[in-house]
Amino acid sequence: DVTEAINYDLKSVLLTSKGERFDKNFGVGIKQYLFETQGSPKLGSLRREIDRQISIYMPWLSQFNTNVRSSIEKQAVYVDIKYKVNNANIVGHFNLSVELSSI
């Protein structure tokens, strides 16, 4: 299923830390953002970094909208990405929650 493959790729981009894989620039390393408060500049840069990574490593997504929020109480980051695939009639929705207690 195409949607499952795209969601797997998105999860890989978000969870991989830079330098961990084949390309030293690949990955967001979302775990480093677990202690950021809502509205912090670093959390704002996370959204931009996610968008940049998708543009570079997943160019088959023609349109996407990324939302990021955090919970300092739960030590968690929540990412919501709505996307559309180029030249196909596929629209998808991806969610990822990373909590300190789950890693």
Protein backbone atom coordinates (compact mmCIF):
# COMPACT_ATOMS: atom_id res chain seq x y z
CA ASP A 1 0.00 0.00 0.00
CA VAL A 2 1.39 3.39 -1.04
CA THR A 3 0.03 5.21 2.01
CA GLU A 4 1.72 2.75 4.38
CA ALA A 5 5.05 3.16 2.54
CA ILE A 6 4.84 6.95 2.72
CA ASN A 7 3.98 6.86 6.43
CA TYR A 8 6.94 4.53 7.03
CA ASP A 9 9.24 6.96 5.16
CA LEU A 10 7.90 9.92 7.17
CA LYS A 11 8.49 8.07 10.42
CA SER A 12 12.05 7.25 9.32
CA VAL A 13 12.77 10.89 8.47
CA LEU A 14 11.42 12.09 11.82
CA LEU A 15 13.01 9.49 14.11
CA THR A 16 16.44 9.29 12.46
CA SER A 17 19.13 11.58 13.85
CA LYS A 18 21.45 13.36 11.43
CA GLY A 19 24.49 11.23 10.64
CA GLU A 20 22.81 8.00 11.75
CA ARG A 21 22.30 6.64 8.23
CA PHE A 22 23.61 6.78 4.68
CA ASP A 23 23.48 10.57 4.36
CA LYS A 24 24.89 12.81 7.08
CA ASN A 25 22.13 15.38 6.42
CA PHE A 26 19.25 12.91 6.52
CA GLY A 27 16.89 12.96 9.47
CA VAL A 28 15.20 15.27 11.94
CA GLY A 29 16.11 13.60 15.24
CA ILE A 30 12.79 14.43 16.85
CA LYS A 31 13.77 12.93 20.23
CA GLN A 32 15.96 15.97 20.93
CA TYR A 33 12.83 18.15 21.03
CA LEU A 34 11.03 16.26 23.83
CA PHE A 35 11.68 18.92 26.48
CA GLU A 36 10.72 21.97 24.43
CA THR A 37 7.74 24.05 25.49
CA GLN A 38 4.95 25.09 23.15
CA GLY A 39 5.93 28.29 21.37
CA SER A 40 9.68 27.88 21.88
CA PRO A 41 11.89 28.98 18.96
CA LYS A 42 13.46 25.51 18.80
CA LEU A 43 10.02 23.93 18.36
CA GLY A 44 9.31 26.41 15.55
CA SER A 45 12.53 25.37 13.86
CA LEU A 46 11.42 21.73 14.13
CA ARG A 47 8.48 22.36 11.80
CA ARG A 48 10.76 24.08 9.29
CA GLU A 49 13.27 21.21 9.50
CA ILE A 50 10.54 18.62 8.93
CA ASP A 51 9.32 20.54 5.87
CA ARG A 52 12.91 20.83 4.56
CA GLN A 53 13.57 17.12 5.03
CA ILE A 54 10.33 16.16 3.26
CA SER A 55 11.14 18.49 0.35
CA ILE A 56 14.61 16.99 -0.07
CA TYR A 57 14.08 13.30 0.67
CA MET A 58 10.43 12.80 -0.31
CA PRO A 59 9.98 14.91 -3.47
CA TRP A 60 7.03 12.77 -4.57
CA LEU A 61 4.88 14.63 -2.03
CA SER A 62 3.57 17.65 -3.92
CA GLN A 63 1.74 19.30 -1.08
CA PHE A 64 2.04 18.88 2.64
CA ASN A 65 1.03 20.74 5.76
CA THR A 66 2.97 20.13 8.97
CA ASN A 67 1.80 20.95 12.49
CA VAL A 68 3.93 20.44 15.59
CA ARG A 69 2.97 20.74 19.23
CA SER A 70 4.47 19.63 22.51
CA SER A 71 3.47 18.66 26.01
CA ILE A 72 6.07 19.44 28.66
CA GLU A 73 3.96 17.57 31.23
CA LYS A 74 4.12 14.37 29.18
CA GLN A 75 7.55 15.19 27.76
CA ALA A 76 6.13 14.60 24.30
CA VAL A 77 6.19 16.00 20.78
CA TYR A 78 3.24 15.54 18.43
CA VAL A 79 3.61 15.86 14.66
CA ASP A 80 0.68 15.92 12.24
CA ILE A 81 1.37 15.92 8.48
CA LYS A 82 -1.30 16.03 5.81
CA TYR A 83 0.06 15.32 2.34
CA LYS A 84 -0.76 14.73 -1.31
CA VAL A 85 1.25 12.53 -3.68
CA ASN A 86 2.42 13.91 -7.04
CA ASN A 87 0.63 12.63 -10.15
CA ALA A 88 -1.66 10.38 -8.18
CA ASN A 89 -4.98 10.75 -6.55
CA ILE A 90 -3.60 9.85 -3.12
CA VAL A 91 -4.16 12.05 -0.11
CA GLY A 92 -2.92 10.90 3.27
CA HIS A 93 -2.55 11.86 6.88
CA PHE A 94 0.36 10.93 9.17
CA ASN A 95 0.56 11.28 12.97
CA LEU A 96 3.51 10.62 15.25
CA SER A 97 3.73 10.98 19.00
CA VAL A 98 7.04 10.58 20.78
CA GLU A 99 6.98 10.46 24.57
CA LEU A 100 9.96 10.07 26.84
CA SER A 101 8.28 7.15 28.56
CA SER A 102 8.12 5.20 25.27
CA ILE A 103 11.81 5.36 24.41
